C-alpha atoms as a PDB file:
ATOM      1  CA  UNK A   1     -92.820-186.332 -92.564  1.00  0.00           C
ATOM      2  CA  UNK A   2     -89.759-187.578 -90.824  1.00  0.00           C
ATOM      3  CA  UNK A   3     -86.874-185.200 -90.760  1.00  0.00           C
ATOM      4  CA  UNK A   4     -84.111-186.006 -93.140  1.00  0.00           C
ATOM      5  CA  UNK A   5     -80.510-184.990 -93.134  1.00  0.00           C
ATOM      6  CA  UNK A   6     -78.814-184.853 -96.467  1.00  0.00           C
ATOM      7  CA  UNK A   7     -75.513-183.380 -97.502  1.00  0.00           C
ATOM      8  CA  UNK A   8     -74.998-182.806-101.203  1.00  0.00           C
ATOM      9  CA  UNK A   9     -71.594-181.860-102.401  1.00  0.00           C
ATOM     10  CA  UNK A  10     -70.662-180.985-105.928  1.00  0.00           C
ATOM     11  CA  UNK A  11     -67.153-180.708-107.235  1.00  0.00           C
ATOM     12  CA  UNK A  12     -66.461-179.381-110.681  1.00  0.00           C
ATOM     13  CA  UNK A  13     -62.973-180.443-111.735  1.00  0.00           C
ATOM     14  CA  UNK A  14     -61.130-179.355-114.857  1.00  0.00           C
ATOM     15  CA  UNK A  15     -57.588-180.759-114.790  1.00  0.00           C
ATOM     16  CA  UNK A  16     -55.669-183.807-113.811  1.00  0.00           C
ATOM     17  CA  UNK A  17     -53.499-184.067-110.696  1.00  0.00           C
ATOM     18  CA  UNK A  18     -51.315-186.827-109.284  1.00  0.00           C
ATOM     19  CA  UNK A  19     -53.668-189.704-108.606  1.00  0.00           C
ATOM     20  CA  UNK A  20     -54.031-191.163-105.117  1.00  0.00           C
ATOM     21  CA  UNK A  21     -54.388-194.940-104.599  1.00  0.00           C
ATOM     22  CA  UNK A  22     -56.949-196.478-106.964  1.00  0.00           C
ATOM     23  CA  UNK A  23     -59.870-198.629-105.762  1.00  0.00           C
ATOM     24  CA  UNK A  24     -59.724-201.597-108.218  1.00  0.00           C
ATOM     25  CA  UNK A  25     -63.273-202.751-107.464  1.00  0.00           C
ATOM     26  CA  UNK A  26     -64.574-199.413-108.730  1.00  0.00           C
ATOM     27  CA  UNK A  27     -62.889-199.431-112.151  1.00  0.00           C
ATOM     28  CA  UNK A  28     -65.404-199.534-115.016  1.00  0.00           C
ATOM     29  CA  UNK A  29     -65.349-198.351-118.639  1.00  0.00           C
ATOM     30  CA  UNK A  30     -66.730-194.864-119.261  1.00  0.00           C
ATOM     31  CA  UNK A  31     -69.405-193.902-121.747  1.00  0.00           C
ATOM     32  CA  UNK A  32     -68.029-192.682-125.072  1.00  0.00           C
ATOM     33  CA  UNK A  33     -68.075-188.940-125.425  1.00  0.00           C
ATOM     34  CA  UNK A  34     -70.956-187.775-127.606  1.00  0.00           C
ATOM     35  CA  UNK A  35     -69.900-186.681-131.110  1.00  0.00           C
ATOM     36  CA  UNK A  36     -72.319-183.719-131.242  1.00  0.00           C
ATOM     37  CA  UNK A  37     -70.286-181.423-128.988  1.00  0.00           C
ATOM     38  CA  UNK A  38     -66.561-180.742-128.911  1.00  0.00           C
ATOM     39  CA  UNK A  39     -65.087-181.119-125.456  1.00  0.00           C
ATOM     40  CA  UNK A  40     -63.049-178.125-124.284  1.00  0.00           C
ATOM     41  CA  UNK A  41     -59.326-178.612-123.825  1.00  0.00           C
ATOM     42  CA  UNK A  42     -57.611-177.124-120.799  1.00  0.00           C
ATOM     43  CA  UNK A  43     -53.992-177.614-121.841  1.00  0.00           C
ATOM     44  CA  UNK A  44     -51.803-175.346-123.936  1.00  0.00           C
ATOM     45  CA  UNK A  45     -48.763-176.436-125.898  1.00  0.00           C
ATOM     46  CA  UNK A  46     -46.396-175.401-123.145  1.00  0.00           C
ATOM     47  CA  UNK A  47     -48.214-175.720-119.838  1.00  0.00           C
ATOM     48  CA  UNK A  48     -51.245-176.950-117.992  1.00  0.00           C
ATOM     49  CA  UNK A  49     -53.651-174.122-117.272  1.00  0.00           C
ATOM     50  CA  UNK A  50     -55.036-173.001-113.954  1.00  0.00           C
ATOM     51  CA  UNK A  51     -58.771-173.352-114.617  1.00  0.00           C
ATOM     52  CA  UNK A  52     -61.396-171.473-112.623  1.00  0.00           C
ATOM     53  CA  UNK A  53     -65.123-172.188-112.567  1.00  0.00           C
ATOM     54  CA  UNK A  54     -66.726-168.737-112.236  1.00  0.00           C
ATOM     55  CA  UNK A  55     -70.370-167.973-111.441  1.00  0.00           C
ATOM     56  CA  UNK A  56     -71.723-164.439-111.910  1.00  0.00           C
ATOM     57  CA  UNK A  57     -75.113-163.430-110.533  1.00  0.00           C
ATOM     58  CA  UNK A  58     -77.168-160.378-109.699  1.00  0.00           C
ATOM     59  CA  UNK A  59     -78.183-159.463-106.159  1.00  0.00           C
ATOM     60  CA  UNK A  60     -81.527-161.254-106.425  1.00  0.00           C
ATOM     61  CA  UNK A  61     -79.831-164.441-107.634  1.00  0.00           C
ATOM     62  CA  UNK A  62     -80.377-164.333-111.414  1.00  0.00           C
ATOM     63  CA  UNK A  63     -77.423-165.677-113.361  1.00  0.00           C
ATOM     64  CA  UNK A  64     -75.468-163.421-115.706  1.00  0.00           C
ATOM     65  CA  UNK A  65     -74.029-165.718-118.366  1.00  0.00           C
ATOM     66  CA  UNK A  66     -73.530-163.395-121.356  1.00  0.00           C
ATOM     67  CA  UNK A  67     -70.519-161.327-120.322  1.00  0.00           C
ATOM     68  CA  UNK A  68     -67.714-161.250-122.936  1.00  0.00           C
ATOM     69  CA  UNK A  69     -64.199-162.431-122.254  1.00  0.00           C
ATOM     70  CA  UNK A  70     -62.717-158.916-122.144  1.00  0.00           C
ATOM     71  CA  UNK A  71     -64.852-157.978-119.105  1.00  0.00           C
ATOM     72  CA  UNK A  72     -63.052-160.503-116.898  1.00  0.00           C
ATOM     73  CA  UNK A  73     -59.791-159.737-115.102  1.00  0.00           C
ATOM     74  CA  UNK A  74     -57.903-162.401-113.117  1.00  0.00           C
ATOM     75  CA  UNK A  75     -55.289-161.749-110.430  1.00  0.00           C
ATOM     76  CA  UNK A  76     -52.918-164.431-109.150  1.00  0.00           C
ATOM     77  CA  UNK A  77     -51.218-163.377-105.884  1.00  0.00           C
ATOM     78  CA  UNK A  78     -51.942-159.793-106.915  1.00  0.00           C
ATOM     79  CA  UNK A  79     -50.542-160.110-110.437  1.00  0.00           C
ATOM     80  CA  UNK A  80     -52.844-159.546-113.389  1.00  0.00           C
ATOM     81  CA  UNK A  81     -52.906-162.628-115.612  1.00  0.00           C
ATOM     82  CA  UNK A  82     -53.554-163.112-119.315  1.00  0.00           C
ATOM     83  CA  UNK A  83     -56.691-165.233-119.905  1.00  0.00           C
ATOM     84  CA  UNK A  84     -55.837-168.069-122.292  1.00  0.00           C
ATOM     85  CA  UNK A  85     -59.094-170.016-122.155  1.00  0.00           C
ATOM     86  CA  UNK A  86     -62.637-168.678-121.835  1.00  0.00           C
ATOM     87  CA  UNK A  87     -65.998-170.386-122.212  1.00  0.00           C
ATOM     88  CA  UNK A  88     -69.572-169.883-121.109  1.00  0.00           C
ATOM     89  CA  UNK A  89     -70.941-172.891-123.012  1.00  0.00           C
ATOM     90  CA  UNK A  90     -73.137-175.541-121.403  1.00  0.00           C
ATOM     91  CA  UNK A  91     -70.727-178.429-121.999  1.00  0.00           C
ATOM     92  CA  UNK A  92     -71.488-181.934-120.618  1.00  0.00           C
ATOM     93  CA  UNK A  93     -69.722-182.986-117.415  1.00  0.00           C
ATOM     94  CA  UNK A  94     -68.952-186.261-115.670  1.00  0.00           C
ATOM     95  CA  UNK A  95     -70.901-186.382-112.403  1.00  0.00           C
ATOM     96  CA  UNK A  96     -70.464-188.863-109.568  1.00  0.00           C
ATOM     97  CA  UNK A  97     -73.326-189.416-107.133  1.00  0.00           C
ATOM     98  CA  UNK A  98     -71.942-190.518-103.769  1.00  0.00           C
ATOM     99  CA  UNK A  99     -74.868-191.995-101.821  1.00  0.00           C
ATOM    100  CA  UNK A 100     -74.964-192.641 -98.076  1.00  0.00           C
ATOM    101  CA  UNK A 101     -76.239-196.196 -97.547  1.00  0.00           C
ATOM    102  CA  UNK A 102     -75.737-196.365 -93.778  1.00  0.00           C
ATOM    103  CA  UNK A 103     -78.519-197.699 -91.548  1.00  0.00           C
ATOM    104  CA  UNK A 104     -79.773-194.208 -90.670  1.00  0.00           C
ATOM    105  CA  UNK A 105     -80.805-193.750 -94.316  1.00  0.00           C
ATOM    106  CA  UNK A 106     -83.491-196.473 -94.234  1.00  0.00           C
ATOM    107  CA  UNK A 107     -86.378-193.992 -94.036  1.00  0.00           C
ATOM    108  CA  UNK A 108     -84.745-191.423 -96.309  1.00  0.00           C
ATOM    109  CA  UNK A 109     -83.744-193.214 -99.510  1.00  0.00           C
ATOM    110  CA  UNK A 110     -86.936-192.091-101.267  1.00  0.00           C
ATOM    111  CA  UNK A 111     -86.149-188.430-100.641  1.00  0.00           C
ATOM    112  CA  UNK A 112     -82.553-189.025-101.717  1.00  0.00           C
ATOM    113  CA  UNK A 113     -83.699-190.575-105.012  1.00  0.00           C
ATOM    114  CA  UNK A 114     -86.133-187.706-105.650  1.00  0.00           C
ATOM    115  CA  UNK A 115     -83.454-185.091-104.993  1.00  0.00           C
ATOM    116  CA  UNK A 116     -80.961-186.886-107.265  1.00  0.00           C
ATOM    117  CA  UNK A 117     -83.547-187.115-110.047  1.00  0.00           C
ATOM    118  CA  UNK A 118     -84.323-183.396-109.657  1.00  0.00           C
ATOM    119  CA  UNK A 119     -80.611-182.702-110.045  1.00  0.00           C
ATOM    120  CA  UNK A 120     -80.392-184.922-113.153  1.00  0.00           C
ATOM    121  CA  UNK A 121     -83.476-183.368-114.769  1.00  0.00           C
ATOM    122  CA  UNK A 122     -81.969-179.896-114.327  1.00  0.00           C
ATOM    123  CA  UNK A 123     -78.575-181.008-115.664  1.00  0.00           C
ATOM    124  CA  UNK A 124     -77.373-181.292-119.242  1.00  0.00           C
ATOM    125  CA  UNK A 125     -78.965-184.545-120.537  1.00  0.00           C
ATOM    126  CA  UNK A 126     -75.600-185.537-122.026  1.00  0.00           C
ATOM    127  CA  UNK A 127     -73.861-185.404-118.655  1.00  0.00           C
ATOM    128  CA  UNK A 128     -72.212-188.702-117.755  1.00  0.00           C
ATOM    129  CA  UNK A 129     -73.239-190.099-114.359  1.00  0.00           C
ATOM    130  CA  UNK A 130     -71.917-192.748-112.017  1.00  0.00           C
ATOM    131  CA  UNK A 131     -73.045-193.616-108.506  1.00  0.00           C
ATOM    132  CA  UNK A 132     -71.207-195.071-105.520  1.00  0.00           C
ATOM    133  CA  UNK A 133     -72.964-196.140-102.356  1.00  0.00           C
ATOM    134  CA  UNK A 134     -71.159-196.137 -99.041  1.00  0.00           C
ATOM    135  CA  UNK A 135     -71.667-197.458 -95.518  1.00  0.00           C
ATOM    136  CA  UNK A 136     -68.906-199.582 -93.974  1.00  0.00           C
ATOM    137  CA  UNK A 137     -67.300-199.706 -97.443  1.00  0.00           C
ATOM    138  CA  UNK A 138     -67.695-198.120-100.893  1.00  0.00           C
ATOM    139  CA  UNK A 139     -69.325-199.945-103.824  1.00  0.00           C
ATOM    140  CA  UNK A 140     -70.669-199.235-107.305  1.00  0.00           C
ATOM    141  CA  UNK A 141     -74.434-198.563-107.397  1.00  0.00           C
ATOM    142  CA  UNK A 142     -75.165-198.198-111.133  1.00  0.00           C
ATOM    143  CA  UNK A 143     -75.193-201.075-113.631  1.00  0.00           C
ATOM    144  CA  UNK A 144     -72.373-203.334-114.685  1.00  0.00           C
ATOM    145  CA  UNK A 145     -70.693-200.607-116.746  1.00  0.00           C
ATOM    146  CA  UNK A 146     -70.931-198.096-113.922  1.00  0.00           C
ATOM    147  CA  UNK A 147     -71.980-195.114-116.060  1.00  0.00           C
ATOM    148  CA  UNK A 148     -75.225-193.766-117.492  1.00  0.00           C
ATOM    149  CA  UNK A 149     -76.414-190.471-118.985  1.00  0.00           C
ATOM    150  CA  UNK A 150     -78.225-187.810-117.011  1.00  0.00           C
ATOM    151  CA  UNK A 151     -81.172-188.102-119.380  1.00  0.00           C
ATOM    152  CA  UNK A 152     -81.728-191.732-118.327  1.00  0.00           C
ATOM    153  CA  UNK A 153     -83.876-190.843-115.315  1.00  0.00           C
ATOM    154  CA  UNK A 154     -85.553-194.242-114.965  1.00  0.00           C
ATOM    155  CA  UNK A 155     -82.247-196.116-114.756  1.00  0.00           C
ATOM    156  CA  UNK A 156     -80.898-193.650-112.208  1.00  0.00           C
ATOM    157  CA  UNK A 157     -84.031-193.830-110.068  1.00  0.00           C
ATOM    158  CA  UNK A 158     -84.047-197.629-110.185  1.00  0.00           C
ATOM    159  CA  UNK A 159     -80.399-197.780-109.161  1.00  0.00           C
ATOM    160  CA  UNK A 160     -80.900-195.462-106.192  1.00  0.00           C
ATOM    161  CA  UNK A 161     -84.093-197.130-104.995  1.00  0.00           C
ATOM    162  CA  UNK A 162     -82.352-200.530-105.055  1.00  0.00           C
ATOM    163  CA  UNK A 163     -79.894-199.400-102.375  1.00  0.00           C
ATOM    164  CA  UNK A 164     -80.414-201.197 -99.054  1.00  0.00           C
ATOM    165  CA  UNK A 165     -79.094-199.034 -96.218  1.00  0.00           C
ATOM    166  CA  UNK A 166     -77.150-200.685 -93.386  1.00  0.00           C
ATOM    167  CA  UNK A 167     -73.993-200.211 -91.332  1.00  0.00           C
ATOM    168  CA  UNK A 168     -71.978-197.103 -90.545  1.00  0.00           C
ATOM    169  CA  UNK A 169     -70.896-193.993 -92.534  1.00  0.00           C
ATOM    170  CA  UNK A 170     -67.522-193.992 -94.340  1.00  0.00           C
ATOM    171  CA  UNK A 171     -68.149-190.575 -95.901  1.00  0.00           C
ATOM    172  CA  UNK A 172     -64.551-189.406 -96.295  1.00  0.00           C
ATOM    173  CA  UNK A 173     -63.438-192.697 -97.871  1.00  0.00           C
ATOM    174  CA  UNK A 174     -66.315-192.379-100.344  1.00  0.00           C
ATOM    175  CA  UNK A 175     -65.264-188.866-101.331  1.00  0.00           C
ATOM    176  CA  UNK A 176     -61.720-190.008-102.078  1.00  0.00           C
ATOM    177  CA  UNK A 177     -63.030-192.991-104.057  1.00  0.00           C
ATOM    178  CA  UNK A 178     -65.316-190.664-106.023  1.00  0.00           C
ATOM    179  CA  UNK A 179     -62.433-188.353-106.872  1.00  0.00           C
ATOM    180  CA  UNK A 180     -60.492-191.377-108.136  1.00  0.00           C
ATOM    181  CA  UNK A 181     -63.445-192.495-110.240  1.00  0.00           C
ATOM    182  CA  UNK A 182     -63.878-189.086-111.860  1.00  0.00           C
ATOM    183  CA  UNK A 183     -60.554-189.578-113.619  1.00  0.00           C
ATOM    184  CA  UNK A 184     -62.141-192.432-115.603  1.00  0.00           C
ATOM    185  CA  UNK A 185     -64.969-190.286-116.986  1.00  0.00           C
ATOM    186  CA  UNK A 186     -65.122-189.301-120.646  1.00  0.00           C
ATOM    187  CA  UNK A 187     -66.005-185.642-120.125  1.00  0.00           C
ATOM    188  CA  UNK A 188     -63.395-182.931-119.671  1.00  0.00           C
ATOM    189  CA  UNK A 189     -65.344-181.218-116.884  1.00  0.00           C
ATOM    190  CA  UNK A 190     -66.217-183.230-113.801  1.00  0.00           C
ATOM    191  CA  UNK A 191     -68.471-183.063-110.743  1.00  0.00           C
ATOM    192  CA  UNK A 192     -69.160-185.013-107.576  1.00  0.00           C
ATOM    193  CA  UNK A 193     -72.440-185.100-105.654  1.00  0.00           C
ATOM    194  CA  UNK A 194     -72.411-186.412-102.092  1.00  0.00           C
ATOM    195  CA  UNK A 195     -75.697-187.299-100.381  1.00  0.00           C
ATOM    196  CA  UNK A 196     -75.465-188.149 -96.681  1.00  0.00           C
ATOM    197  CA  UNK A 197     -77.480-187.775 -93.502  1.00  0.00           C
ATOM    198  CA  UNK A 198     -74.670-187.055 -91.076  1.00  0.00           C
ATOM    199  CA  UNK A 199     -70.987-186.956 -90.307  1.00  0.00           C
ATOM    200  CA  UNK A 200     -68.365-189.638 -90.788  1.00  0.00           C
ATOM    201  CA  UNK A 201     -67.932-192.468 -88.267  1.00  0.00           C
ATOM    202  CA  UNK A 202     -66.222-195.244 -90.243  1.00  0.00           C
ATOM    203  CA  UNK A 203     -63.584-193.866 -92.643  1.00  0.00           C
ATOM    204  CA  UNK A 204     -59.879-194.541 -92.635  1.00  0.00           C
ATOM    205  CA  UNK A 205     -59.381-191.106 -94.236  1.00  0.00           C
ATOM    206  CA  UNK A 206     -59.627-187.898 -92.215  1.00  0.00           C
ATOM    207  CA  UNK A 207     -61.347-184.620 -93.078  1.00  0.00           C
ATOM    208  CA  UNK A 208     -58.086-182.718 -93.509  1.00  0.00           C
ATOM    209  CA  UNK A 209     -56.991-185.226 -96.161  1.00  0.00           C
ATOM    210  CA  UNK A 210     -60.259-184.735 -98.067  1.00  0.00           C
ATOM    211  CA  UNK A 211     -59.967-180.948 -97.809  1.00  0.00           C
ATOM    212  CA  UNK A 212     -56.378-181.023 -99.047  1.00  0.00           C
ATOM    213  CA  UNK A 213     -57.360-183.200-101.996  1.00  0.00           C
ATOM    214  CA  UNK A 214     -60.302-180.930-102.823  1.00  0.00           C
ATOM    215  CA  UNK A 215     -58.107-177.831-102.770  1.00  0.00           C
ATOM    216  CA  UNK A 216     -55.760-179.472-105.257  1.00  0.00           C
ATOM    217  CA  UNK A 217     -58.511-180.635-107.597  1.00  0.00           C
ATOM    218  CA  UNK A 218     -59.559-177.388-109.311  1.00  0.00           C
ATOM    219  CA  UNK A 219     -63.033-178.208-108.000  1.00  0.00           C
ATOM    220  CA  UNK A 220     -66.013-176.128-106.912  1.00  0.00           C
ATOM    221  CA  UNK A 221     -67.826-177.838-104.055  1.00  0.00           C
ATOM    222  CA  UNK A 222     -71.481-177.271-103.226  1.00  0.00           C
ATOM    223  CA  UNK A 223     -72.816-178.617 -99.947  1.00  0.00           C
ATOM    224  CA  UNK A 224     -76.373-179.134 -98.722  1.00  0.00           C
ATOM    225  CA  UNK A 225     -76.975-180.320 -95.189  1.00  0.00           C
ATOM    226  CA  UNK A 226     -80.291-181.304 -93.627  1.00  0.00           C
ATOM    227  CA  UNK A 227     -79.203-182.479 -90.211  1.00  0.00           C
ATOM    228  CA  UNK A 228     -81.139-183.974 -87.314  1.00  0.00           C
ATOM    229  CA  UNK A 229     -80.451-181.789 -84.289  1.00  0.00           C
ATOM    230  CA  UNK A 230     -79.631-184.786 -82.086  1.00  0.00           C
ATOM    231  CA  UNK A 231     -77.223-186.474 -84.536  1.00  0.00           C
ATOM    232  CA  UNK A 232     -73.879-186.752 -82.670  1.00  0.00           C
ATOM    233  CA  UNK A 233     -71.939-187.249 -85.929  1.00  0.00           C
ATOM    234  CA  UNK A 234     -73.294-184.266 -87.859  1.00  0.00           C
ATOM    235  CA  UNK A 235     -70.635-181.831 -89.050  1.00  0.00           C
ATOM    236  CA  UNK A 236     -72.028-178.763 -90.859  1.00  0.00           C
ATOM    237  CA  UNK A 237     -68.667-177.069 -90.318  1.00  0.00           C
ATOM    238  CA  UNK A 238     -67.043-179.570 -92.684  1.00  0.00           C
ATOM    239  CA  UNK A 239     -69.609-178.723 -95.349  1.00  0.00           C
ATOM    240  CA  UNK A 240     -68.912-175.027 -94.872  1.00  0.00           C
ATOM    241  CA  UNK A 241     -65.154-175.555 -95.175  1.00  0.00           C
ATOM    242  CA  UNK A 242     -65.517-177.574 -98.357  1.00  0.00           C
ATOM    243  CA  UNK A 243     -67.703-174.879 -99.947  1.00  0.00           C
ATOM    244  CA  UNK A 244     -65.692-171.895 -98.732  1.00  0.00           C
ATOM    245  CA  UNK A 245     -62.305-173.299 -99.732  1.00  0.00           C
ATOM    246  CA  UNK A 246     -63.361-174.240-103.251  1.00  0.00           C
ATOM    247  CA  UNK A 247     -65.686-171.456-104.393  1.00  0.00           C
ATOM    248  CA  UNK A 248     -68.949-173.347-103.922  1.00  0.00           C
ATOM    249  CA  UNK A 249     -71.992-172.755-101.740  1.00  0.00           C
ATOM    250  CA  UNK A 250     -73.477-174.370 -98.643  1.00  0.00           C
ATOM    251  CA  UNK A 251     -77.224-174.927 -98.246  1.00  0.00           C
ATOM    252  CA  UNK A 252     -79.010-175.976 -95.054  1.00  0.00           C
ATOM    253  CA  UNK A 253     -82.652-176.635 -95.988  1.00  0.00           C
ATOM    254  CA  UNK A 254     -84.877-178.230 -93.358  1.00  0.00           C
ATOM    255  CA  UNK A 255     -87.161-180.413 -95.489  1.00  0.00           C
ATOM    256  CA  UNK A 256     -87.400-182.370 -98.745  1.00  0.00           C
ATOM    257  CA  UNK A 257     -88.916-179.494-100.764  1.00  0.00           C
ATOM    258  CA  UNK A 258     -86.090-177.004-100.187  1.00  0.00           C
ATOM    259  CA  UNK A 259     -83.623-179.852-100.679  1.00  0.00           C
ATOM    260  CA  UNK A 260     -84.974-180.494-104.160  1.00  0.00           C
ATOM    261  CA  UNK A 261     -84.862-176.760-104.909  1.00  0.00           C
ATOM    262  CA  UNK A 262     -81.233-176.630-103.794  1.00  0.00           C
ATOM    263  CA  UNK A 263     -80.342-179.543-106.083  1.00  0.00           C
ATOM    264  CA  UNK A 264     -81.937-177.804-109.043  1.00  0.00           C
ATOM    265  CA  UNK A 265     -80.082-174.612-108.132  1.00  0.00           C
ATOM    266  CA  UNK A 266     -76.749-176.434-108.111  1.00  0.00           C
ATOM    267  CA  UNK A 267     -77.403-177.972-111.533  1.00  0.00           C
ATOM    268  CA  UNK A 268     -78.248-174.548-112.973  1.00  0.00           C
ATOM    269  CA  UNK A 269     -75.155-173.105-111.261  1.00  0.00           C
ATOM    270  CA  UNK A 270     -72.924-175.567-113.096  1.00  0.00           C
ATOM    271  CA  UNK A 271     -74.630-174.992-116.444  1.00  0.00           C
ATOM    272  CA  UNK A 272     -74.660-171.167-116.211  1.00  0.00           C
ATOM    273  CA  UNK A 273     -71.064-170.701-115.119  1.00  0.00           C
ATOM    274  CA  UNK A 274     -67.982-169.509-116.976  1.00  0.00           C
ATOM    275  CA  UNK A 275     -64.714-171.387-117.361  1.00  0.00           C
ATOM    276  CA  UNK A 276     -61.554-169.275-117.300  1.00  0.00           C
ATOM    277  CA  UNK A 277     -58.019-170.607-117.735  1.00  0.00           C
ATOM    278  CA  UNK A 278     -54.589-169.020-117.508  1.00  0.00           C
ATOM    279  CA  UNK A 279     -50.976-170.176-117.405  1.00  0.00           C
ATOM    280  CA  UNK A 280     -49.666-170.443-113.818  1.00  0.00           C
ATOM    281  CA  UNK A 281     -47.075-167.718-113.149  1.00  0.00           C
ATOM    282  CA  UNK A 282     -44.944-169.887-110.861  1.00  0.00           C
ATOM    283  CA  UNK A 283     -44.263-173.547-110.153  1.00  0.00           C
ATOM    284  CA  UNK A 284     -43.324-173.090-106.531  1.00  0.00           C
ATOM    285  CA  UNK A 285     -45.533-175.666-104.790  1.00  0.00           C
ATOM    286  CA  UNK A 286     -47.203-172.901-102.770  1.00  0.00           C
ATOM    287  CA  UNK A 287     -50.811-171.795-102.383  1.00  0.00           C
ATOM    288  CA  UNK A 288     -51.742-168.977-104.765  1.00  0.00           C
ATOM    289  CA  UNK A 289     -54.649-166.661-104.004  1.00  0.00           C
ATOM    290  CA  UNK A 290     -56.939-165.884-106.939  1.00  0.00           C
ATOM    291  CA  UNK A 291     -59.272-162.950-107.497  1.00  0.00           C
ATOM    292  CA  UNK A 292     -61.654-162.444-110.446  1.00  0.00           C
ATOM    293  CA  UNK A 293     -63.160-159.040-111.250  1.00  0.00           C
ATOM    294  CA  UNK A 294     -65.518-157.584-113.840  1.00  0.00           C
ATOM    295  CA  UNK A 295     -64.101-154.428-115.462  1.00  0.00           C
ATOM    296  CA  UNK A 296     -65.395-151.850-115.910  1.00  0.00           C
ATOM    297  CA  UNK A 297     -67.566-152.251-112.823  1.00  0.00           C
ATOM    298  CA  UNK A 298     -71.138-153.238-113.616  1.00  0.00           C
ATOM    299  CA  UNK A 299     -73.947-151.011-112.292  1.00  0.00           C
ATOM    300  CA  UNK A 300     -75.872-154.130-111.300  1.00  0.00           C
ATOM    301  CA  UNK A 301     -73.346-154.800-108.491  1.00  0.00           C
ATOM    302  CA  UNK A 302     -72.713-158.362-109.638  1.00  0.00           C
ATOM    303  CA  UNK A 303     -71.601-161.164-107.333  1.00  0.00           C
ATOM    304  CA  UNK A 304     -68.604-163.112-108.651  1.00  0.00           C
ATOM    305  CA  UNK A 305     -67.870-166.498-107.129  1.00  0.00           C
ATOM    306  CA  UNK A 306     -64.880-168.737-107.817  1.00  0.00           C
ATOM    307  CA  UNK A 307     -62.361-170.733-105.835  1.00  0.00           C
ATOM    308  CA  UNK A 308     -60.134-168.580-103.604  1.00  0.00           C
ATOM    309  CA  UNK A 309     -56.919-170.135-104.841  1.00  0.00           C
ATOM    310  CA  UNK A 310     -54.957-173.239-105.786  1.00  0.00           C
ATOM    311  CA  UNK A 311     -51.758-175.105-104.972  1.00  0.00           C
ATOM    312  CA  UNK A 312     -49.187-174.585-107.718  1.00  0.00           C
ATOM    313  CA  UNK A 313     -47.199-177.520-109.029  1.00  0.00           C
ATOM    314  CA  UNK A 314     -43.686-177.908-107.702  1.00  0.00           C
ATOM    315  CA  UNK A 315     -40.547-177.141-109.744  1.00  0.00           C
ATOM    316  CA  UNK A 316     -40.052-180.825-110.645  1.00  0.00           C
ATOM    317  CA  UNK A 317     -43.393-180.895-112.474  1.00  0.00           C
ATOM    318  CA  UNK A 318     -42.020-178.682-115.248  1.00  0.00           C
ATOM    319  CA  UNK A 319     -39.065-180.945-116.046  1.00  0.00           C
END
């Protein structure tokens, strides 16, 4: 089997931020939110909350998803904060699939489709999906309305298998376009999935711009890279930075089987996590470091993963 190189990045976003330039060609109506489940709200009467996606697991990797609210303690720049929102429910999310359609993907699109379907099958069936394909530019890849549900596996597979790879790799532009598109989704929680076989060689945007945007997005980013050793554009360091700076994980499987396993792991990670929100202590425009602890300490020596911090809004945002 030919080696593949795929990078899968997932961002889970919980609050709105000042929007960057919109890509008009990518604007489509979102699916209506399902009436069966109430979407969580992340705003209080007086302020917008800092919202943290938190994953708790044991040493061997099993998720711990039944801890009560009073076991969690949050510190913001060393100050203990009062938790104002807490949830461990499996609520639907809006997920964007960002698919590399450059010429190097011609022999890999089947593996990409299989991995994306594995992710969808492991996700909440009421998740709202969209897909963008990118090479020299960024275009919609799913239907005229641009959205479908995670449970619609056949439609998703058909959309991905209809992609015809050609051209170069505008990866960073696609990430920014995907972040824009997330704002149009119907679900309160949001995620992005990037699938690519190498580094960027065609974007107008730069990596530092993408990283800055990700750090401001209240997003957890998961990255999976399967890189060809001789690919001059590969950049596993960028995947590591995106994961490290946002509380996600990086995976570097070497074949299609481990890739599919990683996708399923990421879907379970999203579904098994906690959501914790608190009022920001300051509006100073600075970066605030965040730490989450379980108290009293658990004898299982639990691993707690969340984003390391966030950029606070500036003073003018409170006026």
